[in-house]
């Protein structure tokens, strides 16, 4: 599971054991500041989150514009896309034992991608 702060571009990602409402909402609540708007896919487990908007991928909706705000999950989807490409092209097998290490590595690379060499 992952989350991205649209203001900073910072991503947080974690391997989770269950996709139940308690786990998913707990992950979001631990990472989102109070009062933040939360954009997710159409997963029903997110429904009770405050200030929650969805981009319903099951109906081929990936971006929805509401006034000046674009509701989408593209920022975190790019992290998963990068991880999936590495899995298919470099690693071939990601064991459950080390999966969090791979996720952490790709999240960190994403978070420092704009850093200069000296940083």
PDB file of N, CA and C in Angstrom:
ATOM      1  N   UNK A   1       0.854  -1.160   0.000  1.00  0.00           N
ATOM      2  CA  UNK A   1       0.000   0.000   0.000  1.00  0.00           C
ATOM      3  C   UNK A   1       0.902   1.226   0.000  1.00  0.00           C
ATOM      4  N   UNK A   2       0.417   2.291  -0.623  1.00  0.00           N
ATOM      5  CA  UNK A   2       1.228   3.498  -0.678  1.00  0.00           C
ATOM      6  C   UNK A   2       0.404   4.757  -0.655  1.00  0.00           C
ATOM      7  N   UNK A   3       1.079   5.840  -0.313  1.00  0.00           N
ATOM      8  CA  UNK A   3       0.455   7.163  -0.301  1.00  0.00           C
ATOM      9  C   UNK A   3       1.471   8.169  -0.804  1.00  0.00           C
ATOM     10  N   UNK A   4       0.966   9.229  -1.425  1.00  0.00           N
ATOM     11  CA  UNK A   4       1.839  10.282  -1.940  1.00  0.00           C
ATOM     12  C   UNK A   4       1.280  11.635  -1.531  1.00  0.00           C
ATOM     13  N   UNK A   5       2.147  12.483  -1.028  1.00  0.00           N
ATOM     14  CA  UNK A   5       1.770  13.854  -0.698  1.00  0.00           C
ATOM     15  C   UNK A   5       1.873  14.675  -1.975  1.00  0.00           C
ATOM     16  N   UNK A   6       0.759  15.214  -2.470  1.00  0.00           N
ATOM     17  CA  UNK A   6       0.814  15.942  -3.736  1.00  0.00           C
ATOM     18  C   UNK A   6       1.613  17.235  -3.655  1.00  0.00           C
ATOM     19  N   UNK A   7       1.731  17.822  -2.483  1.00  0.00           N
ATOM     20  CA  UNK A   7       2.469  19.078  -2.346  1.00  0.00           C
ATOM     21  C   UNK A   7       3.976  18.858  -2.440  1.00  0.00           C
ATOM     22  N   UNK A   8       4.463  17.789  -1.806  1.00  0.00           N
ATOM     23  CA  UNK A   8       5.911  17.553  -1.760  1.00  0.00           C
ATOM     24  C   UNK A   8       6.367  16.446  -2.706  1.00  0.00           C
ATOM     25  N   UNK A   9       5.447  15.585  -3.119  1.00  0.00           N
ATOM     26  CA  UNK A   9       5.808  14.437  -3.949  1.00  0.00           C
ATOM     27  C   UNK A   9       6.330  13.272  -3.141  1.00  0.00           C
ATOM     28  N   UNK A  10       6.435  13.430  -1.825  1.00  0.00           N
ATOM     29  CA  UNK A  10       6.958  12.375  -0.951  1.00  0.00           C
ATOM     30  C   UNK A  10       6.019  11.175  -0.949  1.00  0.00           C
ATOM     31  N   UNK A  11       6.567   9.973  -1.089  1.00  0.00           N
ATOM     32  CA  UNK A  11       5.773   8.758  -1.040  1.00  0.00           C
ATOM     33  C   UNK A  11       6.130   7.935   0.191  1.00  0.00           C
ATOM     34  N   UNK A  12       5.143   7.244   0.701  1.00  0.00           N
ATOM     35  CA  UNK A  12       5.328   6.270   1.779  1.00  0.00           C
ATOM     36  C   UNK A  12       4.666   4.988   1.296  1.00  0.00           C
ATOM     37  N   UNK A  13       5.326   3.870   1.483  1.00  0.00           N
ATOM     38  CA  UNK A  13       4.783   2.600   1.008  1.00  0.00           C
ATOM     39  C   UNK A  13       5.103   1.508   2.009  1.00  0.00           C
ATOM     40  N   UNK A  14       4.193   0.569   2.097  1.00  0.00           N
ATOM     41  CA  UNK A  14       4.343  -0.495   3.079  1.00  0.00           C
ATOM     42  C   UNK A  14       3.659  -1.756   2.575  1.00  0.00           C
ATOM     43  N   UNK A  15       4.291  -2.888   2.803  1.00  0.00           N
ATOM     44  CA  UNK A  15       3.669  -4.166   2.509  1.00  0.00           C
ATOM     45  C   UNK A  15       2.642  -4.418   3.612  1.00  0.00           C
ATOM     46  N   UNK A  16       1.433  -4.768   3.222  1.00  0.00           N
ATOM     47  CA  UNK A  16       0.392  -5.037   4.214  1.00  0.00           C
ATOM     48  C   UNK A  16      -0.102  -6.464   4.063  1.00  0.00           C
ATOM     49  N   UNK A  17      -0.586  -7.023   5.151  1.00  0.00           N
ATOM     50  CA  UNK A  17      -1.059  -8.405   5.158  1.00  0.00           C
ATOM     51  C   UNK A  17      -2.515  -8.516   4.729  1.00  0.00           C
ATOM     52  N   UNK A  18      -3.275  -7.449   4.943  1.00  0.00           N
ATOM     53  CA  UNK A  18      -4.714  -7.512   4.704  1.00  0.00           C
ATOM     54  C   UNK A  18      -5.188  -6.226   4.055  1.00  0.00           C
ATOM     55  N   UNK A  19      -6.218  -6.300   3.235  1.00  0.00           N
ATOM     56  CA  UNK A  19      -6.789  -5.109   2.619  1.00  0.00           C
ATOM     57  C   UNK A  19      -8.150  -4.781   3.234  1.00  0.00           C
ATOM     58  N   UNK A  20      -8.278  -5.067   4.529  1.00  0.00           N
ATOM     59  CA  UNK A  20      -9.530  -4.731   5.205  1.00  0.00           C
ATOM     60  C   UNK A  20      -9.561  -3.245   5.542  1.00  0.00           C
ATOM     61  N   UNK A  21     -10.737  -2.745   5.882  1.00  0.00           N
ATOM     62  CA  UNK A  21     -10.924  -1.315   6.142  1.00  0.00           C
ATOM     63  C   UNK A  21     -10.028  -0.822   7.271  1.00  0.00           C
ATOM     64  N   UNK A  22      -9.891  -1.585   8.323  1.00  0.00           N
ATOM     65  CA  UNK A  22      -9.073  -1.162   9.462  1.00  0.00           C
ATOM     66  C   UNK A  22      -7.618  -0.937   9.053  1.00  0.00           C
ATOM     67  N   UNK A  23      -7.064  -1.847   8.285  1.00  0.00           N
ATOM     68  CA  UNK A  23      -5.665  -1.739   7.844  1.00  0.00           C
ATOM     69  C   UNK A  23      -5.483  -0.557   6.888  1.00  0.00           C
ATOM     70  N   UNK A  24      -6.333  -0.474   5.879  1.00  0.00           N
ATOM     71  CA  UNK A  24      -6.191   0.581   4.877  1.00  0.00           C
ATOM     72  C   UNK A  24      -6.431   1.966   5.473  1.00  0.00           C
ATOM     73  N   UNK A  25      -7.486   2.113   6.243  1.00  0.00           N
ATOM     74  CA  UNK A  25      -7.777   3.409   6.852  1.00  0.00           C
ATOM     75  C   UNK A  25      -6.719   3.782   7.886  1.00  0.00           C
ATOM     76  N   UNK A  26      -6.184   2.798   8.592  1.00  0.00           N
ATOM     77  CA  UNK A  26      -5.112   3.056   9.551  1.00  0.00           C
ATOM     78  C   UNK A  26      -3.861   3.584   8.871  1.00  0.00           C
ATOM     79  N   UNK A  27      -3.511   2.992   7.733  1.00  0.00           N
ATOM     80  CA  UNK A  27      -2.350   3.449   6.974  1.00  0.00           C
ATOM     81  C   UNK A  27      -2.526   4.906   6.564  1.00  0.00           C
ATOM     82  N   UNK A  28      -3.692   5.232   6.033  1.00  0.00           N
ATOM     83  CA  UNK A  28      -3.958   6.601   5.584  1.00  0.00           C
ATOM     84  C   UNK A  28      -3.960   7.557   6.777  1.00  0.00           C
ATOM     85  N   UNK A  29      -4.635   7.189   7.834  1.00  0.00           N
ATOM     86  CA  UNK A  29      -4.725   8.060   9.013  1.00  0.00           C
ATOM     87  C   UNK A  29      -3.362   8.335   9.634  1.00  0.00           C
ATOM     88  N   UNK A  30      -2.485   7.356   9.608  1.00  0.00           N
ATOM     89  CA  UNK A  30      -1.144   7.530  10.175  1.00  0.00           C
ATOM     90  C   UNK A  30      -0.277   8.477   9.346  1.00  0.00           C
ATOM     91  N   UNK A  31      -0.613   8.660   8.068  1.00  0.00           N
ATOM     92  CA  UNK A  31       0.249   9.437   7.175  1.00  0.00           C
ATOM     93  C   UNK A  31      -0.342  10.755   6.697  1.00  0.00           C
ATOM     94  N   UNK A  32      -1.637  10.906   6.761  1.00  0.00           N
ATOM     95  CA  UNK A  32      -2.270  12.135   6.280  1.00  0.00           C
ATOM     96  C   UNK A  32      -2.458  13.119   7.434  1.00  0.00           C
ATOM     97  N   UNK A  33      -2.177  14.379   7.163  1.00  0.00           N
ATOM     98  CA  UNK A  33      -2.407  15.394   8.192  1.00  0.00           C
ATOM     99  C   UNK A  33      -3.908  15.602   8.347  1.00  0.00           C
ATOM    100  N   UNK A  34      -4.299  16.011   9.518  1.00  0.00           N
ATOM    101  CA  UNK A  34      -5.720  16.228   9.767  1.00  0.00           C
ATOM    102  C   UNK A  34      -6.277  17.277   8.814  1.00  0.00           C
ATOM    103  N   UNK A  35      -7.409  16.976   8.246  1.00  0.00           N
ATOM    104  CA  UNK A  35      -8.057  17.889   7.311  1.00  0.00           C
ATOM    105  C   UNK A  35      -7.633  17.729   5.867  1.00  0.00           C
ATOM    106  N   UNK A  36      -6.685  16.841   5.602  1.00  0.00           N
ATOM    107  CA  UNK A  36      -6.215  16.640   4.223  1.00  0.00           C
ATOM    108  C   UNK A  36      -7.285  15.962   3.389  1.00  0.00           C
ATOM    109  N   UNK A  37      -7.346  16.330   2.123  1.00  0.00           N
ATOM    110  CA  UNK A  37      -8.202  15.601   1.185  1.00  0.00           C
ATOM    111  C   UNK A  37      -7.468  14.334   0.785  1.00  0.00           C
ATOM    112  N   UNK A  38      -8.186  13.241   0.765  1.00  0.00           N
ATOM    113  CA  UNK A  38      -7.593  11.942   0.449  1.00  0.00           C
ATOM    114  C   UNK A  38      -8.213  11.435  -0.846  1.00  0.00           C
ATOM    115  N   UNK A  39      -7.358  11.092  -1.809  1.00  0.00           N
ATOM    116  CA  UNK A  39      -7.804  10.564  -3.089  1.00  0.00           C
ATOM    117  C   UNK A  39      -7.382   9.102  -3.172  1.00  0.00           C
ATOM    118  N   UNK A  40      -8.338   8.230  -3.473  1.00  0.00           N
ATOM    119  CA  UNK A  40      -8.045   6.803  -3.586  1.00  0.00           C
ATOM    120  C   UNK A  40      -8.714   6.244  -4.835  1.00  0.00           C
ATOM    121  N   UNK A  41      -8.424   4.964  -5.080  1.00  0.00           N
ATOM    122  CA  UNK A  41      -9.183   4.259  -6.099  1.00  0.00           C
ATOM    123  C   UNK A  41     -10.545   3.919  -5.491  1.00  0.00           C
ATOM    124  N   UNK A  42     -11.335   3.115  -6.164  1.00  0.00           N
ATOM    125  CA  UNK A  42     -12.693   2.841  -5.722  1.00  0.00           C
ATOM    126  C   UNK A  42     -12.838   1.777  -4.653  1.00  0.00           C
ATOM    127  N   UNK A  43     -11.766   1.349  -4.030  1.00  0.00           N
ATOM    128  CA  UNK A  43     -11.830   0.319  -2.991  1.00  0.00           C
ATOM    129  C   UNK A  43     -12.837   0.709  -1.903  1.00  0.00           C
ATOM    130  N   UNK A  44     -13.844  -0.124  -1.650  1.00  0.00           N
ATOM    131  CA  UNK A  44     -14.873   0.207  -0.654  1.00  0.00           C
ATOM    132  C   UNK A  44     -14.343   0.409   0.759  1.00  0.00           C
ATOM    133  N   UNK A  45     -13.214  -0.182   1.099  1.00  0.00           N
ATOM    134  CA  UNK A  45     -12.680  -0.067   2.458  1.00  0.00           C
ATOM    135  C   UNK A  45     -12.304   1.364   2.834  1.00  0.00           C
ATOM    136  N   UNK A  46     -12.149   2.245   1.843  1.00  0.00           N
ATOM    137  CA  UNK A  46     -11.782   3.635   2.110  1.00  0.00           C
ATOM    138  C   UNK A  46     -12.989   4.537   2.383  1.00  0.00           C
ATOM    139  N   UNK A  47     -14.179   4.045   2.169  1.00  0.00           N
ATOM    140  CA  UNK A  47     -15.376   4.890   2.165  1.00  0.00           C
ATOM    141  C   UNK A  47     -15.563   5.765   3.400  1.00  0.00           C
ATOM    142  N   UNK A  48     -15.161   5.332   4.547  1.00  0.00           N
ATOM    143  CA  UNK A  48     -15.408   6.086   5.787  1.00  0.00           C
ATOM    144  C   UNK A  48     -14.355   7.150   6.080  1.00  0.00           C
ATOM    145  N   UNK A  49     -13.365   7.300   5.219  1.00  0.00           N
ATOM    146  CA  UNK A  49     -12.343   8.323   5.452  1.00  0.00           C
ATOM    147  C   UNK A  49     -12.945   9.717   5.290  1.00  0.00           C
ATOM    148  N   UNK A  50     -12.560  10.652   6.157  1.00  0.00           N
ATOM    149  CA  UNK A  50     -13.053  12.026   5.989  1.00  0.00           C
ATOM    150  C   UNK A  50     -12.396  12.690   4.784  1.00  0.00           C
ATOM    151  N   UNK A  51     -13.103  13.623   4.156  1.00  0.00           N
ATOM    152  CA  UNK A  51     -12.621  14.379   3.001  1.00  0.00           C
ATOM    153  C   UNK A  51     -12.035  13.454   1.938  1.00  0.00           C
ATOM    154  N   UNK A  52     -12.779  12.426   1.606  1.00  0.00           N
ATOM    155  CA  UNK A  52     -12.330  11.368   0.713  1.00  0.00           C
ATOM    156  C   UNK A  52     -12.973  11.500  -0.657  1.00  0.00           C
ATOM    157  N   UNK A  53     -12.169  11.394  -1.699  1.00  0.00           N
ATOM    158  CA  UNK A  53     -12.622  11.404  -3.090  1.00  0.00           C
ATOM    159  C   UNK A  53     -12.032  10.182  -3.784  1.00  0.00           C
ATOM    160  N   UNK A  54     -12.750   9.670  -4.771  1.00  0.00           N
ATOM    161  CA  UNK A  54     -12.246   8.505  -5.488  1.00  0.00           C
ATOM    162  C   UNK A  54     -12.128   8.764  -6.982  1.00  0.00           C
ATOM    163  N   UNK A  55     -11.182   8.071  -7.575  1.00  0.00           N
ATOM    164  CA  UNK A  55     -11.095   7.929  -9.022  1.00  0.00           C
ATOM    165  C   UNK A  55     -11.446   6.467  -9.256  1.00  0.00           C
ATOM    166  N   UNK A  56     -12.593   6.216  -9.814  1.00  0.00           N
ATOM    167  CA  UNK A  56     -13.122   4.867  -9.919  1.00  0.00           C
ATOM    168  C   UNK A  56     -12.544   4.144 -11.133  1.00  0.00           C
ATOM    169  N   UNK A  57     -11.471   3.425 -10.919  1.00  0.00           N
ATOM    170  CA  UNK A  57     -10.781   2.737 -12.003  1.00  0.00           C
ATOM    171  C   UNK A  57     -11.640   1.657 -12.645  1.00  0.00           C
ATOM    172  N   UNK A  58     -12.566   1.066 -11.898  1.00  0.00           N
ATOM    173  CA  UNK A  58     -13.392  -0.009 -12.460  1.00  0.00           C
ATOM    174  C   UNK A  58     -14.336   0.495 -13.552  1.00  0.00           C
ATOM    175  N   UNK A  59     -14.579   1.808 -13.595  1.00  0.00           N
ATOM    176  CA  UNK A  59     -15.394   2.390 -14.669  1.00  0.00           C
ATOM    177  C   UNK A  59     -14.527   3.193 -15.638  1.00  0.00           C
ATOM    178  N   UNK A  60     -13.234   2.900 -15.640  1.00  0.00           N
ATOM    179  CA  UNK A  60     -12.256   3.567 -16.513  1.00  0.00           C
ATOM    180  C   UNK A  60     -12.125   5.059 -16.215  1.00  0.00           C
ATOM    181  N   UNK A  61     -12.404   5.453 -14.990  1.00  0.00           N
ATOM    182  CA  UNK A  61     -12.184   6.843 -14.570  1.00  0.00           C
ATOM    183  C   UNK A  61     -10.837   6.896 -13.845  1.00  0.00           C
ATOM    184  N   UNK A  62      -9.904   7.634 -14.401  1.00  0.00           N
ATOM    185  CA  UNK A  62      -8.574   7.716 -13.798  1.00  0.00           C
ATOM    186  C   UNK A  62      -8.266   9.114 -13.293  1.00  0.00           C
ATOM    187  N   UNK A  63      -8.912  10.115 -13.849  1.00  0.00           N
ATOM    188  CA  UNK A  63      -8.771  11.504 -13.392  1.00  0.00           C
ATOM    189  C   UNK A  63     -10.143  12.159 -13.476  1.00  0.00           C
ATOM    190  N   UNK A  64     -10.512  12.850 -12.414  1.00  0.00           N
ATOM    191  CA  UNK A  64     -11.761  13.603 -12.412  1.00  0.00           C
ATOM    192  C   UNK A  64     -11.450  15.008 -11.913  1.00  0.00           C
ATOM    193  N   UNK A  65     -11.937  16.009 -12.608  1.00  0.00           N
ATOM    194  CA  UNK A  65     -11.683  17.386 -12.212  1.00  0.00           C
ATOM    195  C   UNK A  65     -12.880  17.914 -11.435  1.00  0.00           C
ATOM    196  N   UNK A  66     -12.596  18.445 -10.250  1.00  0.00           N
ATOM    197  CA  UNK A  66     -13.616  19.082  -9.417  1.00  0.00           C
ATOM    198  C   UNK A  66     -13.152  20.503  -9.146  1.00  0.00           C
ATOM    199  N   UNK A  67     -13.668  21.445  -9.908  1.00  0.00           N
ATOM    200  CA  UNK A  67     -13.197  22.823  -9.781  1.00  0.00           C
ATOM    201  C   UNK A  67     -11.757  22.907 -10.233  1.00  0.00           C
ATOM    202  N   UNK A  68     -10.876  23.338  -9.332  1.00  0.00           N
ATOM    203  CA  UNK A  68      -9.450  23.451  -9.646  1.00  0.00           C
ATOM    204  C   UNK A  68      -8.658  22.235  -9.201  1.00  0.00           C
ATOM    205  N   UNK A  69      -9.346  21.250  -8.629  1.00  0.00           N
ATOM    206  CA  UNK A  69      -8.675  20.067  -8.083  1.00  0.00           C
ATOM    207  C   UNK A  69      -8.863  18.879  -9.013  1.00  0.00           C
ATOM    208  N   UNK A  70      -7.757  18.188  -9.285  1.00  0.00           N
ATOM    209  CA  UNK A  70      -7.812  16.959 -10.070  1.00  0.00           C
ATOM    210  C   UNK A  70      -7.742  15.775  -9.107  1.00  0.00           C
ATOM    211  N   UNK A  71      -8.766  14.960  -9.132  1.00  0.00           N
ATOM    212  CA  UNK A  71      -8.834  13.773  -8.288  1.00  0.00           C
ATOM    213  C   UNK A  71      -8.244  12.607  -9.066  1.00  0.00           C
ATOM    214  N   UNK A  72      -7.128  12.062  -8.576  1.00  0.00           N
ATOM    215  CA  UNK A  72      -6.478  10.930  -9.237  1.00  0.00           C
ATOM    216  C   UNK A  72      -5.506  10.259  -8.280  1.00  0.00           C
ATOM    217  N   UNK A  73      -5.040   9.095  -8.669  1.00  0.00           N
ATOM    218  CA  UNK A  73      -4.039   8.363  -7.895  1.00  0.00           C
ATOM    219  C   UNK A  73      -2.766   8.150  -8.716  1.00  0.00           C
ATOM    220  N   UNK A  74      -2.579   8.956  -9.745  1.00  0.00           N
ATOM    221  CA  UNK A  74      -1.455   8.762 -10.671  1.00  0.00           C
ATOM    222  C   UNK A  74      -0.094   8.873  -9.986  1.00  0.00           C
ATOM    223  N   UNK A  75       0.030   9.711  -8.979  1.00  0.00           N
ATOM    224  CA  UNK A  75       1.327   9.892  -8.316  1.00  0.00           C
ATOM    225  C   UNK A  75       1.833   8.624  -7.665  1.00  0.00           C
ATOM    226  N   UNK A  76       0.969   7.912  -6.962  1.00  0.00           N
ATOM    227  CA  UNK A  76       1.404   6.670  -6.318  1.00  0.00           C
ATOM    228  C   UNK A  76       1.440   5.523  -7.326  1.00  0.00           C
ATOM    229  N   UNK A  77       0.590   5.599  -8.343  1.00  0.00           N
ATOM    230  CA  UNK A  77       0.604   4.557  -9.382  1.00  0.00           C
ATOM    231  C   UNK A  77       1.951   4.513 -10.093  1.00  0.00           C
ATOM    232  N   UNK A  78       2.616   5.656 -10.222  1.00  0.00           N
ATOM    233  CA  UNK A  78       3.921   5.659 -10.889  1.00  0.00           C
ATOM    234  C   UNK A  78       4.963   4.901 -10.065  1.00  0.00           C
ATOM    235  N   UNK A  79       4.841   4.924  -8.740  1.00  0.00           N
ATOM    236  CA  UNK A  79       5.753   4.132  -7.900  1.00  0.00           C
ATOM    237  C   UNK A  79       5.547   2.648  -8.180  1.00  0.00           C
ATOM    238  N   UNK A  80       4.284   2.213  -8.210  1.00  0.00           N
ATOM    239  CA  UNK A  80       4.008   0.798  -8.461  1.00  0.00           C
ATOM    240  C   UNK A  80       4.459   0.398  -9.869  1.00  0.00           C
ATOM    241  N   UNK A  81       4.289   1.283 -10.817  1.00  0.00           N
ATOM    242  CA  UNK A  81       4.721   1.001 -12.179  1.00  0.00           C
ATOM    243  C   UNK A  81       6.231   0.773 -12.236  1.00  0.00           C
ATOM    244  N   UNK A  82       6.980   1.606 -11.564  1.00  0.00           N
ATOM    245  CA  UNK A  82       8.439   1.468 -11.533  1.00  0.00           C
ATOM    246  C   UNK A  82       8.851   0.158 -10.878  1.00  0.00           C
ATOM    247  N   UNK A  83       8.200  -0.168  -9.768  1.00  0.00           N
ATOM    248  CA  UNK A  83       8.503  -1.417  -9.070  1.00  0.00           C
ATOM    249  C   UNK A  83       8.159  -2.629  -9.945  1.00  0.00           C
ATOM    250  N   UNK A  84       7.038  -2.574 -10.637  1.00  0.00           N
ATOM    251  CA  UNK A  84       6.640  -3.683 -11.509  1.00  0.00           C
ATOM    252  C   UNK A  84       7.603  -3.851 -12.682  1.00  0.00           C
ATOM    253  N   UNK A  85       8.059  -2.720 -13.256  1.00  0.00           N
ATOM    254  CA  UNK A  85       9.031  -2.820 -14.355  1.00  0.00           C
ATOM    255  C   UNK A  85      10.335  -3.436 -13.872  1.00  0.00           C
ATOM    256  N   UNK A  86      10.763  -3.088 -12.672  1.00  0.00           N
ATOM    257  CA  UNK A  86      11.993  -3.675 -12.126  1.00  0.00           C
ATOM    258  C   UNK A  86      11.800  -5.172 -11.894  1.00  0.00           C
ATOM    259  N   UNK A  87      10.636  -5.538 -11.423  1.00  0.00           N
ATOM    260  CA  UNK A  87      10.357  -6.956 -11.191  1.00  0.00           C
ATOM    261  C   UNK A  87      10.417  -7.757 -12.487  1.00  0.00           C
ATOM    262  N   UNK A  88       9.830  -7.229 -13.536  1.00  0.00           N
ATOM    263  CA  UNK A  88       9.809  -7.935 -14.813  1.00  0.00           C
ATOM    264  C   UNK A  88      11.168  -7.921 -15.508  1.00  0.00           C
ATOM    265  N   UNK A  89      11.916  -6.826 -15.356  1.00  0.00           N
ATOM    266  CA  UNK A  89      13.132  -6.676 -16.143  1.00  0.00           C
ATOM    267  C   UNK A  89      14.442  -6.912 -15.428  1.00  0.00           C
ATOM    268  N   UNK A  90      14.457  -6.822 -14.093  1.00  0.00           N
ATOM    269  CA  UNK A  90      15.726  -6.930 -13.378  1.00  0.00           C
ATOM    270  C   UNK A  90      15.709  -8.061 -12.351  1.00  0.00           C
ATOM    271  N   UNK A  91      14.717  -8.054 -11.487  1.00  0.00           N
ATOM    272  CA  UNK A  91      14.741  -8.947 -10.330  1.00  0.00           C
ATOM    273  C   UNK A  91      14.080 -10.303 -10.573  1.00  0.00           C
ATOM    274  N   UNK A  92      13.067 -10.382 -11.396  1.00  0.00           N
ATOM    275  CA  UNK A  92      12.364 -11.607 -11.772  1.00  0.00           C
ATOM    276  C   UNK A  92      11.626 -12.283 -10.619  1.00  0.00           C
ATOM    277  N   UNK A  93      12.136 -12.181  -9.404  1.00  0.00           N
ATOM    278  CA  UNK A  93      11.457 -12.783  -8.248  1.00  0.00           C
ATOM    279  C   UNK A  93      11.640 -11.866  -7.041  1.00  0.00           C
ATOM    280  N   UNK A  94      10.533 -11.498  -6.448  1.00  0.00           N
ATOM    281  CA  UNK A  94      10.559 -10.704  -5.218  1.00  0.00           C
ATOM    282  C   UNK A  94       9.945 -11.572  -4.132  1.00  0.00           C
ATOM    283  N   UNK A  95      10.764 -12.049  -3.217  1.00  0.00           N
ATOM    284  CA  UNK A  95      10.249 -12.925  -2.175  1.00  0.00           C
ATOM    285  C   UNK A  95       9.484 -12.120  -1.130  1.00  0.00           C
ATOM    286  N   UNK A  96       8.512 -12.752  -0.524  1.00  0.00           N
ATOM    287  CA  UNK A  96       7.728 -12.104   0.534  1.00  0.00           C
ATOM    288  C   UNK A  96       8.642 -11.677   1.682  1.00  0.00           C
ATOM    289  N   UNK A  97       9.665 -12.476   1.943  1.00  0.00           N
ATOM    290  CA  UNK A  97      10.593 -12.189   3.045  1.00  0.00           C
ATOM    291  C   UNK A  97      11.271 -10.828   2.866  1.00  0.00           C
ATOM    292  N   UNK A  98      11.623 -10.471   1.648  1.00  0.00           N
ATOM    293  CA  UNK A  98      12.369  -9.240   1.387  1.00  0.00           C
ATOM    294  C   UNK A  98      11.556  -8.171   0.663  1.00  0.00           C
ATOM    295  N   UNK A  99      10.269  -8.404   0.464  1.00  0.00           N
ATOM    296  CA  UNK A  99       9.455  -7.475  -0.308  1.00  0.00           C
ATOM    297  C   UNK A  99       9.471  -6.060   0.261  1.00  0.00           C
ATOM    298  N   UNK A 100       9.404  -5.915   1.582  1.00  0.00           N
ATOM    299  CA  UNK A 100       9.424  -4.573   2.177  1.00  0.00           C
ATOM    300  C   UNK A 100      10.732  -3.854   1.856  1.00  0.00           C
ATOM    301  N   UNK A 101      11.825  -4.576   1.774  1.00  0.00           N
ATOM    302  CA  UNK A 101      13.107  -3.952   1.422  1.00  0.00           C
ATOM    303  C   UNK A 101      13.079  -3.390   0.002  1.00  0.00           C
ATOM    304  N   UNK A 102      12.492  -4.137  -0.924  1.00  0.00           N
ATOM    305  CA  UNK A 102      12.358  -3.642  -2.294  1.00  0.00           C
ATOM    306  C   UNK A 102      11.453  -2.409  -2.326  1.00  0.00           C
ATOM    307  N   UNK A 103      10.331  -2.487  -1.643  1.00  0.00           N
ATOM    308  CA  UNK A 103       9.385  -1.364  -1.602  1.00  0.00           C
ATOM    309  C   UNK A 103      10.066  -0.136  -0.999  1.00  0.00           C
ATOM    310  N   UNK A 104      10.786  -0.313   0.100  1.00  0.00           N
ATOM    311  CA  UNK A 104      11.505   0.803   0.729  1.00  0.00           C
ATOM    312  C   UNK A 104      12.536   1.398  -0.221  1.00  0.00           C
ATOM    313  N   UNK A 105      13.250   0.540  -0.931  1.00  0.00           N
ATOM    314  CA  UNK A 105      14.277   1.007  -1.860  1.00  0.00           C
ATOM    315  C   UNK A 105      13.672   1.874  -2.958  1.00  0.00           C
ATOM    316  N   UNK A 106      12.575   1.424  -3.550  1.00  0.00           N
ATOM    317  CA  UNK A 106      11.956   2.186  -4.634  1.00  0.00           C
ATOM    318  C   UNK A 106      11.283   3.456  -4.127  1.00  0.00           C
ATOM    319  N   UNK A 107      10.704   3.405  -2.942  1.00  0.00           N
ATOM    320  CA  UNK A 107      10.105   4.614  -2.361  1.00  0.00           C
ATOM    321  C   UNK A 107      11.197   5.645  -2.076  1.00  0.00           C
ATOM    322  N   UNK A 108      12.321   5.200  -1.554  1.00  0.00           N
ATOM    323  CA  UNK A 108      13.429   6.116  -1.273  1.00  0.00           C
ATOM    324  C   UNK A 108      13.972   6.720  -2.559  1.00  0.00           C
ATOM    325  N   UNK A 109      14.164   5.905  -3.580  1.00  0.00           N
ATOM    326  CA  UNK A 109      14.635   6.424  -4.873  1.00  0.00           C
ATOM    327  C   UNK A 109      13.669   7.465  -5.424  1.00  0.00           C
ATOM    328  N   UNK A 110      12.388   7.208  -5.261  1.00  0.00           N
ATOM    329  CA  UNK A 110      11.370   8.164  -5.724  1.00  0.00           C
ATOM    330  C   UNK A 110      11.459   9.463  -4.929  1.00  0.00           C
ATOM    331  N   UNK A 111      11.679   9.355  -3.630  1.00  0.00           N
ATOM    332  CA  UNK A 111      11.700  10.535  -2.766  1.00  0.00           C
ATOM    333  C   UNK A 111      12.935  11.402  -2.954  1.00  0.00           C
ATOM    334  N   UNK A 112      14.018  10.821  -3.432  1.00  0.00           N
ATOM    335  CA  UNK A 112      15.251  11.609  -3.608  1.00  0.00           C
ATOM    336  C   UNK A 112      15.578  11.865  -5.070  1.00  0.00           C
ATOM    337  N   UNK A 113      14.642  11.613  -5.966  1.00  0.00           N
ATOM    338  CA  UNK A 113      14.944  11.705  -7.397  1.00  0.00           C
ATOM    339  C   UNK A 113      15.352  13.113  -7.846  1.00  0.00           C
ATOM    340  N   UNK A 114      14.936  14.144  -7.132  1.00  0.00           N
ATOM    341  CA  UNK A 114      15.298  15.499  -7.513  1.00  0.00           C
ATOM    342  C   UNK A 114      16.534  16.016  -6.781  1.00  0.00           C
ATOM    343  N   UNK A 115      17.094  15.196  -5.918  1.00  0.00           N
ATOM    344  CA  UNK A 115      18.270  15.619  -5.155  1.00  0.00           C
ATOM    345  C   UNK A 115      19.489  15.744  -6.068  1.00  0.00           C
ATOM    346  N   UNK A 116      20.327  16.684  -5.753  1.00  0.00           N
ATOM    347  CA  UNK A 116      21.563  16.881  -6.493  1.00  0.00           C
ATOM    348  C   UNK A 116      22.615  15.907  -5.945  1.00  0.00           C
ATOM    349  N   UNK A 117      23.676  15.702  -6.642  1.00  0.00           N
ATOM    350  CA  UNK A 117      24.722  14.796  -6.218  1.00  0.00           C
ATOM    351  C   UNK A 117      25.246  15.139  -4.818  1.00  0.00           C
ATOM    352  N   UNK A 118      25.395  16.417  -4.539  1.00  0.00           N
ATOM    353  CA  UNK A 118      25.924  16.838  -3.252  1.00  0.00           C
ATOM    354  C   UNK A 118      24.960  16.491  -2.108  1.00  0.00           C
ATOM    355  N   UNK A 119      23.667  16.436  -2.430  1.00  0.00           N
ATOM    356  CA  UNK A 119      22.660  16.075  -1.410  1.00  0.00           C
ATOM    357  C   UNK A 119      22.748  14.616  -1.052  1.00  0.00           C
TER     358      UNK A 119
END
